[in-house]
Amino acid sequence: TAIAAACGLVGYFLVLRAQVFTADALSHVAF
């Protein structure tokens, strides 16, 4: 629940700022 809430808030600004590709790169960095 907490993780989803954080992702929903952060994701809104990612989409608004056209930075979704950044999250894709961070998935590689996380691994």
Full PDB file with SEQRES, HELIX, SHEET, SSBOND, CRYST1, ORIGX, SCALE, CONECT and MASTER records, all heavy atoms in Angstrom:
SEQRES   1 A   31  THR ALA ILE ALA ALA ALA CYS GLY LEU VAL GLY TYR PHE          
SEQRES   2 A   31  LEU VAL LEU ARG ALA GLN VAL PHE THR ALA ASP ALA LEU          
SEQRES   3 A   31  SER HIS VAL ALA PHE                                          
HELIX    1 AA1 ALA A    2  LEU A   16  1                                  15    
HELIX    2 AA2 VAL A   20  ALA A   30  1                                  11    
CRYST1    1.000    1.000    1.000  90.00  90.00  90.00 P 1           1          
ORIGX1      1.000000  0.000000  0.000000        0.00000                         
ORIGX2      0.000000  1.000000  0.000000        0.00000                         
ORIGX3      0.000000  0.000000  1.000000        0.00000                         
SCALE1      1.000000  0.000000  0.000000        0.00000                         
SCALE2      0.000000  1.000000  0.000000        0.00000                         
SCALE3      0.000000  0.000000  1.000000        0.00000                         
ATOM      1  N   THR A   1       0.831  -1.211   0.000  1.00  0.00           N  
ATOM      2  CA  THR A   1       0.000   0.000   0.000  1.00  0.00           C  
ATOM      3  C   THR A   1       0.860   1.253   0.000  1.00  0.00           C  
ATOM      4  O   THR A   1       0.631   2.183  -0.781  1.00  0.00           O  
ATOM      5  CB  THR A   1      -0.928  -0.005   1.234  1.00  0.00           C  
ATOM      6  OG1 THR A   1      -1.767  -1.164   1.192  1.00  0.00           O  
ATOM      7  CG2 THR A   1      -1.788   1.247   1.258  1.00  0.00           C  
ATOM      8  N   ALA A   2       1.849   1.284   0.875  1.00  0.00           N  
ATOM      9  CA  ALA A   2       2.719   2.463   0.952  1.00  0.00           C  
ATOM     10  C   ALA A   2       3.556   2.624  -0.317  1.00  0.00           C  
ATOM     11  O   ALA A   2       3.721   3.733  -0.838  1.00  0.00           O  
ATOM     12  CB  ALA A   2       3.622   2.356   2.178  1.00  0.00           C  
ATOM     13  N   ILE A   3       4.087   1.515  -0.823  1.00  0.00           N  
ATOM     14  CA  ILE A   3       4.902   1.573  -2.042  1.00  0.00           C  
ATOM     15  C   ILE A   3       4.065   2.040  -3.228  1.00  0.00           C  
ATOM     16  O   ILE A   3       4.501   2.876  -4.026  1.00  0.00           O  
ATOM     17  CB  ILE A   3       5.529   0.190  -2.325  1.00  0.00           C  
ATOM     18  CG1 ILE A   3       6.601  -0.124  -1.293  1.00  0.00           C  
ATOM     19  CG2 ILE A   3       6.132   0.146  -3.736  1.00  0.00           C  
ATOM     20  CD1 ILE A   3       7.120  -1.542  -1.358  1.00  0.00           C  
ATOM     21  N   ALA A   4       2.846   1.520  -3.349  1.00  0.00           N  
ATOM     22  CA  ALA A   4       1.983   1.911  -4.455  1.00  0.00           C  
ATOM     23  C   ALA A   4       1.624   3.399  -4.375  1.00  0.00           C  
ATOM     24  O   ALA A   4       1.590   4.089  -5.396  1.00  0.00           O  
ATOM     25  CB  ALA A   4       0.714   1.060  -4.449  1.00  0.00           C  
ATOM     26  N   ALA A   5       1.350   3.896  -3.178  1.00  0.00           N  
ATOM     27  CA  ALA A   5       1.035   5.321  -3.025  1.00  0.00           C  
ATOM     28  C   ALA A   5       2.207   6.187  -3.469  1.00  0.00           C  
ATOM     29  O   ALA A   5       2.027   7.182  -4.184  1.00  0.00           O  
ATOM     30  CB  ALA A   5       0.666   5.608  -1.571  1.00  0.00           C  
ATOM     31  N   ALA A   6       3.419   5.810  -3.056  1.00  0.00           N  
ATOM     32  CA  ALA A   6       4.600   6.574  -3.452  1.00  0.00           C  
ATOM     33  C   ALA A   6       4.807   6.520  -4.963  1.00  0.00           C  
ATOM     34  O   ALA A   6       5.105   7.536  -5.604  1.00  0.00           O  
ATOM     35  CB  ALA A   6       5.832   6.035  -2.729  1.00  0.00           C  
ATOM     36  N   CYS A   7       4.635   5.345  -5.553  1.00  0.00           N  
ATOM     37  CA  CYS A   7       4.811   5.207  -7.000  1.00  0.00           C  
ATOM     38  C   CYS A   7       3.745   5.978  -7.763  1.00  0.00           C  
ATOM     39  O   CYS A   7       4.027   6.550  -8.825  1.00  0.00           O  
ATOM     40  CB  CYS A   7       4.769   3.731  -7.390  1.00  0.00           C  
ATOM     41  SG  CYS A   7       6.213   2.790  -6.873  1.00  0.00           S  
ATOM     42  N   GLY A   8       2.523   6.009  -7.249  1.00  0.00           N  
ATOM     43  CA  GLY A   8       1.470   6.770  -7.918  1.00  0.00           C  
ATOM     44  C   GLY A   8       1.763   8.260  -7.935  1.00  0.00           C  
ATOM     45  O   GLY A   8       1.563   8.938  -8.957  1.00  0.00           O  
ATOM     46  N   LEU A   9       2.252   8.799  -6.821  1.00  0.00           N  
ATOM     47  CA  LEU A   9       2.569  10.231  -6.750  1.00  0.00           C  
ATOM     48  C   LEU A   9       3.776  10.575  -7.620  1.00  0.00           C  
ATOM     49  O   LEU A   9       3.748  11.541  -8.392  1.00  0.00           O  
ATOM     50  CB  LEU A   9       2.828  10.635  -5.300  1.00  0.00           C  
ATOM     51  CG  LEU A   9       1.632  10.544  -4.340  1.00  0.00           C  
ATOM     52  CD1 LEU A   9       2.062  10.861  -2.921  1.00  0.00           C  
ATOM     53  CD2 LEU A   9       0.508  11.479  -4.778  1.00  0.00           C  
ATOM     54  N   VAL A  10       4.837   9.795  -7.480  1.00  0.00           N  
ATOM     55  CA  VAL A  10       6.043  10.051  -8.274  1.00  0.00           C  
ATOM     56  C   VAL A  10       5.767   9.841  -9.759  1.00  0.00           C  
ATOM     57  O   VAL A  10       6.215  10.617 -10.613  1.00  0.00           O  
ATOM     58  CB  VAL A  10       7.191   9.139  -7.795  1.00  0.00           C  
ATOM     59  CG1 VAL A  10       8.383   9.217  -8.750  1.00  0.00           C  
ATOM     60  CG2 VAL A  10       7.633   9.531  -6.393  1.00  0.00           C  
ATOM     61  N   GLY A  11       5.000   8.798 -10.074  1.00  0.00           N  
ATOM     62  CA  GLY A  11       4.716   8.492 -11.470  1.00  0.00           C  
ATOM     63  C   GLY A  11       3.952   9.590 -12.177  1.00  0.00           C  
ATOM     64  O   GLY A  11       4.154   9.824 -13.377  1.00  0.00           O  
ATOM     65  N   TYR A  12       3.071  10.295 -11.451  1.00  0.00           N  
ATOM     66  CA  TYR A  12       2.330  11.383 -12.076  1.00  0.00           C  
ATOM     67  C   TYR A  12       3.282  12.434 -12.631  1.00  0.00           C  
ATOM     68  O   TYR A  12       3.154  12.887 -13.778  1.00  0.00           O  
ATOM     69  CB  TYR A  12       1.369  12.022 -11.073  1.00  0.00           C  
ATOM     70  CG  TYR A  12       0.769  13.315 -11.588  1.00  0.00           C  
ATOM     71  CD1 TYR A  12      -0.221  13.297 -12.556  1.00  0.00           C  
ATOM     72  CD2 TYR A  12       1.238  14.544 -11.139  1.00  0.00           C  
ATOM     73  CE1 TYR A  12      -0.751  14.470 -13.059  1.00  0.00           C  
ATOM     74  CE2 TYR A  12       0.710  15.727 -11.633  1.00  0.00           C  
ATOM     75  CZ  TYR A  12      -0.289  15.689 -12.584  1.00  0.00           C  
ATOM     76  OH  TYR A  12      -0.794  16.864 -13.088  1.00  0.00           O  
ATOM     77  N   PHE A  13       4.269  12.833 -11.833  1.00  0.00           N  
ATOM     78  CA  PHE A  13       5.207  13.849 -12.299  1.00  0.00           C  
ATOM     79  C   PHE A  13       6.165  13.294 -13.347  1.00  0.00           C  
ATOM     80  O   PHE A  13       6.629  14.033 -14.222  1.00  0.00           O  
ATOM     81  CB  PHE A  13       5.991  14.420 -11.113  1.00  0.00           C  
ATOM     82  CG  PHE A  13       5.198  15.397 -10.290  1.00  0.00           C  
ATOM     83  CD1 PHE A  13       4.647  15.024  -9.084  1.00  0.00           C  
ATOM     84  CD2 PHE A  13       4.981  16.691 -10.746  1.00  0.00           C  
ATOM     85  CE1 PHE A  13       3.902  15.910  -8.331  1.00  0.00           C  
ATOM     86  CE2 PHE A  13       4.236  17.588 -10.007  1.00  0.00           C  
ATOM     87  CZ  PHE A  13       3.694  17.203  -8.795  1.00  0.00           C  
ATOM     88  N   LEU A  14       6.457  11.993 -13.282  1.00  0.00           N  
ATOM     89  CA  LEU A  14       7.278  11.393 -14.336  1.00  0.00           C  
ATOM     90  C   LEU A  14       6.593  11.513 -15.693  1.00  0.00           C  
ATOM     91  O   LEU A  14       7.223  11.866 -16.694  1.00  0.00           O  
ATOM     92  CB  LEU A  14       7.534   9.918 -14.025  1.00  0.00           C  
ATOM     93  CG  LEU A  14       8.714   9.546 -13.143  1.00  0.00           C  
ATOM     94  CD1 LEU A  14       8.717   8.055 -12.870  1.00  0.00           C  
ATOM     95  CD2 LEU A  14      10.031   9.974 -13.761  1.00  0.00           C  
ATOM     96  N   VAL A  15       5.299  11.219 -15.724  1.00  0.00           N  
ATOM     97  CA  VAL A  15       4.546  11.305 -16.973  1.00  0.00           C  
ATOM     98  C   VAL A  15       4.388  12.764 -17.396  1.00  0.00           C  
ATOM     99  O   VAL A  15       4.544  13.116 -18.568  1.00  0.00           O  
ATOM    100  CB  VAL A  15       3.181  10.616 -16.809  1.00  0.00           C  
ATOM    101  CG1 VAL A  15       2.312  10.818 -18.056  1.00  0.00           C  
ATOM    102  CG2 VAL A  15       3.369   9.124 -16.549  1.00  0.00           C  
ATOM    103  N   LEU A  16       4.086  13.632 -16.440  1.00  0.00           N  
ATOM    104  CA  LEU A  16       3.886  15.045 -16.751  1.00  0.00           C  
ATOM    105  C   LEU A  16       5.142  15.692 -17.302  1.00  0.00           C  
ATOM    106  O   LEU A  16       5.092  16.502 -18.225  1.00  0.00           O  
ATOM    107  CB  LEU A  16       3.430  15.784 -15.488  1.00  0.00           C  
ATOM    108  CG  LEU A  16       3.068  17.268 -15.650  1.00  0.00           C  
ATOM    109  CD1 LEU A  16       1.845  17.427 -16.539  1.00  0.00           C  
ATOM    110  CD2 LEU A  16       2.826  17.914 -14.293  1.00  0.00           C  
ATOM    111  N   ARG A  17       6.292  15.311 -16.770  1.00  0.00           N  
ATOM    112  CA  ARG A  17       7.572  15.891 -17.180  1.00  0.00           C  
ATOM    113  C   ARG A  17       8.224  15.110 -18.329  1.00  0.00           C  
ATOM    114  O   ARG A  17       9.352  15.403 -18.708  1.00  0.00           O  
ATOM    115  CB  ARG A  17       8.531  15.913 -15.986  1.00  0.00           C  
ATOM    116  CG  ARG A  17       8.107  16.858 -14.891  1.00  0.00           C  
ATOM    117  CD  ARG A  17       8.868  16.599 -13.586  1.00  0.00           C  
ATOM    118  NE  ARG A  17      10.281  16.894 -13.690  1.00  0.00           N  
ATOM    119  CZ  ARG A  17      10.819  18.085 -13.493  1.00  0.00           C  
ATOM    120  NH1 ARG A  17      10.041  19.115 -13.178  1.00  0.00           N  
ATOM    121  NH2 ARG A  17      12.123  18.275 -13.586  1.00  0.00           N  
ATOM    122  N   ALA A  18       7.505  14.099 -18.860  1.00  0.00           N  
ATOM    123  CA  ALA A  18       8.012  13.280 -19.962  1.00  0.00           C  
ATOM    124  C   ALA A  18       9.356  12.643 -19.600  1.00  0.00           C  
ATOM    125  O   ALA A  18      10.304  12.643 -20.382  1.00  0.00           O  
ATOM    126  CB  ALA A  18       8.144  14.108 -21.238  1.00  0.00           C  
ATOM    127  N   GLN A  19       9.442  12.074 -18.384  1.00  0.00           N  
ATOM    128  CA  GLN A  19      10.664  11.439 -17.907  1.00  0.00           C  
ATOM    129  C   GLN A  19      10.467   9.950 -17.607  1.00  0.00           C  
ATOM    130  O   GLN A  19      11.190   9.383 -16.795  1.00  0.00           O  
ATOM    131  CB  GLN A  19      11.163  12.160 -16.643  1.00  0.00           C  
ATOM    132  CG  GLN A  19      11.729  13.547 -16.900  1.00  0.00           C  
ATOM    133  CD  GLN A  19      12.314  14.166 -15.640  1.00  0.00           C  
ATOM    134  OE1 GLN A  19      11.583  14.642 -14.781  1.00  0.00           O  
ATOM    135  NE2 GLN A  19      13.622  14.170 -15.534  1.00  0.00           N  
ATOM    136  N   VAL A  20       9.509   9.342 -18.259  1.00  0.00           N  
ATOM    137  CA  VAL A  20       9.240   7.920 -18.013  1.00  0.00           C  
ATOM    138  C   VAL A  20      10.451   7.064 -18.380  1.00  0.00           C  
ATOM    139  O   VAL A  20      10.728   6.048 -17.739  1.00  0.00           O  
ATOM    140  CB  VAL A  20       7.997   7.473 -18.804  1.00  0.00           C  
ATOM    141  CG1 VAL A  20       7.761   5.974 -18.658  1.00  0.00           C  
ATOM    142  CG2 VAL A  20       6.764   8.234 -18.323  1.00  0.00           C  
ATOM    143  N   PHE A  21      11.188   7.482 -19.394  1.00  0.00           N  
ATOM    144  CA  PHE A  21      12.375   6.750 -19.815  1.00  0.00           C  
ATOM    145  C   PHE A  21      13.404   6.688 -18.677  1.00  0.00           C  
ATOM    146  O   PHE A  21      14.192   5.744 -18.584  1.00  0.00           O  
ATOM    147  CB  PHE A  21      12.975   7.423 -21.044  1.00  0.00           C  
ATOM    148  CG  PHE A  21      13.929   6.562 -21.829  1.00  0.00           C  
ATOM    149  CD1 PHE A  21      13.802   5.180 -21.864  1.00  0.00           C  
ATOM    150  CD2 PHE A  21      14.966   7.141 -22.555  1.00  0.00           C  
ATOM    151  CE1 PHE A  21      14.675   4.389 -22.591  1.00  0.00           C  
ATOM    152  CE2 PHE A  21      15.840   6.363 -23.299  1.00  0.00           C  
ATOM    153  CZ  PHE A  21      15.698   4.993 -23.307  1.00  0.00           C  
ATOM    154  N   THR A  22      13.391   7.683 -17.801  1.00  0.00           N  
ATOM    155  CA  THR A  22      14.286   7.675 -16.643  1.00  0.00           C  
ATOM    156  C   THR A  22      13.993   6.493 -15.736  1.00  0.00           C  
ATOM    157  O   THR A  22      14.901   5.828 -15.235  1.00  0.00           O  
ATOM    158  CB  THR A  22      14.129   8.987 -15.856  1.00  0.00           C  
ATOM    159  OG1 THR A  22      14.378  10.095 -16.716  1.00  0.00           O  
ATOM    160  CG2 THR A  22      15.093   9.035 -14.684  1.00  0.00           C  
ATOM    161  N   ALA A  23      12.713   6.231 -15.495  1.00  0.00           N  
ATOM    162  CA  ALA A  23      12.335   5.086 -14.662  1.00  0.00           C  
ATOM    163  C   ALA A  23      12.773   3.776 -15.308  1.00  0.00           C  
ATOM    164  O   ALA A  23      13.169   2.829 -14.608  1.00  0.00           O  
ATOM    165  CB  ALA A  23      10.833   5.092 -14.433  1.00  0.00           C  
ATOM    166  N   ASP A  24      12.703   3.702 -16.631  1.00  0.00           N  
ATOM    167  CA  ASP A  24      13.157   2.501 -17.333  1.00  0.00           C  
ATOM    168  C   ASP A  24      14.647   2.285 -17.094  1.00  0.00           C  
ATOM    169  O   ASP A  24      15.091   1.160 -16.841  1.00  0.00           O  
ATOM    170  CB  ASP A  24      12.859   2.642 -18.817  1.00  0.00           C  
ATOM    171  CG  ASP A  24      13.089   1.348 -19.581  1.00  0.00           C  
ATOM    172  OD1 ASP A  24      13.074   0.279 -18.945  1.00  0.00           O  
ATOM    173  OD2 ASP A  24      13.284   1.396 -20.814  1.00  0.00           O  
ATOM    174  N   ALA A  25      15.424   3.363 -17.170  1.00  0.00           N  
ATOM    175  CA  ALA A  25      16.862   3.242 -16.915  1.00  0.00           C  
ATOM    176  C   ALA A  25      17.134   2.826 -15.473  1.00  0.00           C  
ATOM    177  O   ALA A  25      18.021   2.014 -15.201  1.00  0.00           O  
ATOM    178  CB  ALA A  25      17.543   4.577 -17.217  1.00  0.00           C  
ATOM    179  N   LEU A  26      16.357   3.369 -14.533  1.00  0.00           N  
ATOM    180  CA  LEU A  26      16.581   3.044 -13.126  1.00  0.00           C  
ATOM    181  C   LEU A  26      16.233   1.597 -12.804  1.00  0.00           C  
ATOM    182  O   LEU A  26      16.722   1.049 -11.814  1.00  0.00           O  
ATOM    183  CB  LEU A  26      15.769   3.995 -12.244  1.00  0.00           C  
ATOM    184  CG  LEU A  26      16.269   5.443 -12.231  1.00  0.00           C  
ATOM    185  CD1 LEU A  26      15.372   6.308 -11.360  1.00  0.00           C  
ATOM    186  CD2 LEU A  26      17.709   5.521 -11.745  1.00  0.00           C  
ATOM    187  N   SER A  27      15.386   0.972 -13.616  1.00  0.00           N  
ATOM    188  CA  SER A  27      15.125  -0.452 -13.394  1.00  0.00           C  
ATOM    189  C   SER A  27      16.394  -1.267 -13.629  1.00  0.00           C  
ATOM    190  O   SER A  27      16.667  -2.235 -12.910  1.00  0.00           O  
ATOM    191  CB  SER A  27      14.004  -0.927 -14.319  1.00  0.00           C  
ATOM    192  OG  SER A  27      14.402  -0.882 -15.684  1.00  0.00           O  
ATOM    193  N   HIS A  28      17.188  -0.872 -14.620  1.00  0.00           N  
ATOM    194  CA  HIS A  28      18.472  -1.539 -14.854  1.00  0.00           C  
ATOM    195  C   HIS A  28      19.444  -1.252 -13.714  1.00  0.00           C  
ATOM    196  O   HIS A  28      20.173  -2.134 -13.262  1.00  0.00           O  
ATOM    197  CB  HIS A  28      19.082  -1.053 -16.175  1.00  0.00           C  
ATOM    198  CG  HIS A  28      18.266  -1.397 -17.385  1.00  0.00           C  
ATOM    199  ND1 HIS A  28      17.042  -0.827 -17.640  1.00  0.00           N  
ATOM    200  CD2 HIS A  28      18.504  -2.232 -18.429  1.00  0.00           C  
ATOM    201  CE1 HIS A  28      16.565  -1.299 -18.775  1.00  0.00           C  
ATOM    202  NE2 HIS A  28      17.419  -2.161 -19.264  1.00  0.00           N  
ATOM    203  N   VAL A  29      19.441   0.006 -13.255  1.00  0.00           N  
ATOM    204  CA  VAL A  29      20.331   0.399 -12.163  1.00  0.00           C  
ATOM    205  C   VAL A  29      19.968  -0.351 -10.881  1.00  0.00           C  
ATOM    206  O   VAL A  29      20.847  -0.760 -10.113  1.00  0.00           O  
ATOM    207  CB  VAL A  29      20.255   1.925 -11.942  1.00  0.00           C  
ATOM    208  CG1 VAL A  29      21.087   2.339 -10.733  1.00  0.00           C  
ATOM    209  CG2 VAL A  29      20.742   2.672 -13.181  1.00  0.00           C  
ATOM    210  N   ALA A  30      18.664  -0.538 -10.626  1.00  0.00           N  
ATOM    211  CA  ALA A  30      18.231  -1.257  -9.431  1.00  0.00           C  
ATOM    212  C   ALA A  30      18.759  -2.690  -9.430  1.00  0.00           C  
ATOM    213  O   ALA A  30      19.248  -3.189  -8.410  1.00  0.00           O  
ATOM    214  CB  ALA A  30      16.705  -1.244  -9.348  1.00  0.00           C  
ATOM    215  N   PHE A  31      18.657  -3.350 -10.565  1.00  0.00           N  
ATOM    216  CA  PHE A  31      19.157  -4.724 -10.682  1.00  0.00           C  
ATOM    217  C   PHE A  31      20.657  -4.773 -10.403  1.00  0.00           C  
ATOM    218  O   PHE A  31      21.134  -5.600  -9.622  1.00  0.00           O  
ATOM    219  CB  PHE A  31      18.850  -5.252 -12.083  1.00  0.00           C  
ATOM    220  CG  PHE A  31      19.454  -6.591 -12.388  1.00  0.00           C  
ATOM    221  CD1 PHE A  31      18.931  -7.745 -11.828  1.00  0.00           C  
ATOM    222  CD2 PHE A  31      20.535  -6.706 -13.243  1.00  0.00           C  
ATOM    223  CE1 PHE A  31      19.486  -8.988 -12.107  1.00  0.00           C  
ATOM    224  CE2 PHE A  31      21.102  -7.933 -13.530  1.00  0.00           C  
ATOM    225  CZ  PHE A  31      20.571  -9.091 -12.956  1.00  0.00           C  
TER     226      PHE A  31                                                      
MASTER        0    0    0    2    0    0    0    6  225    1    0    3          
END                                                                             
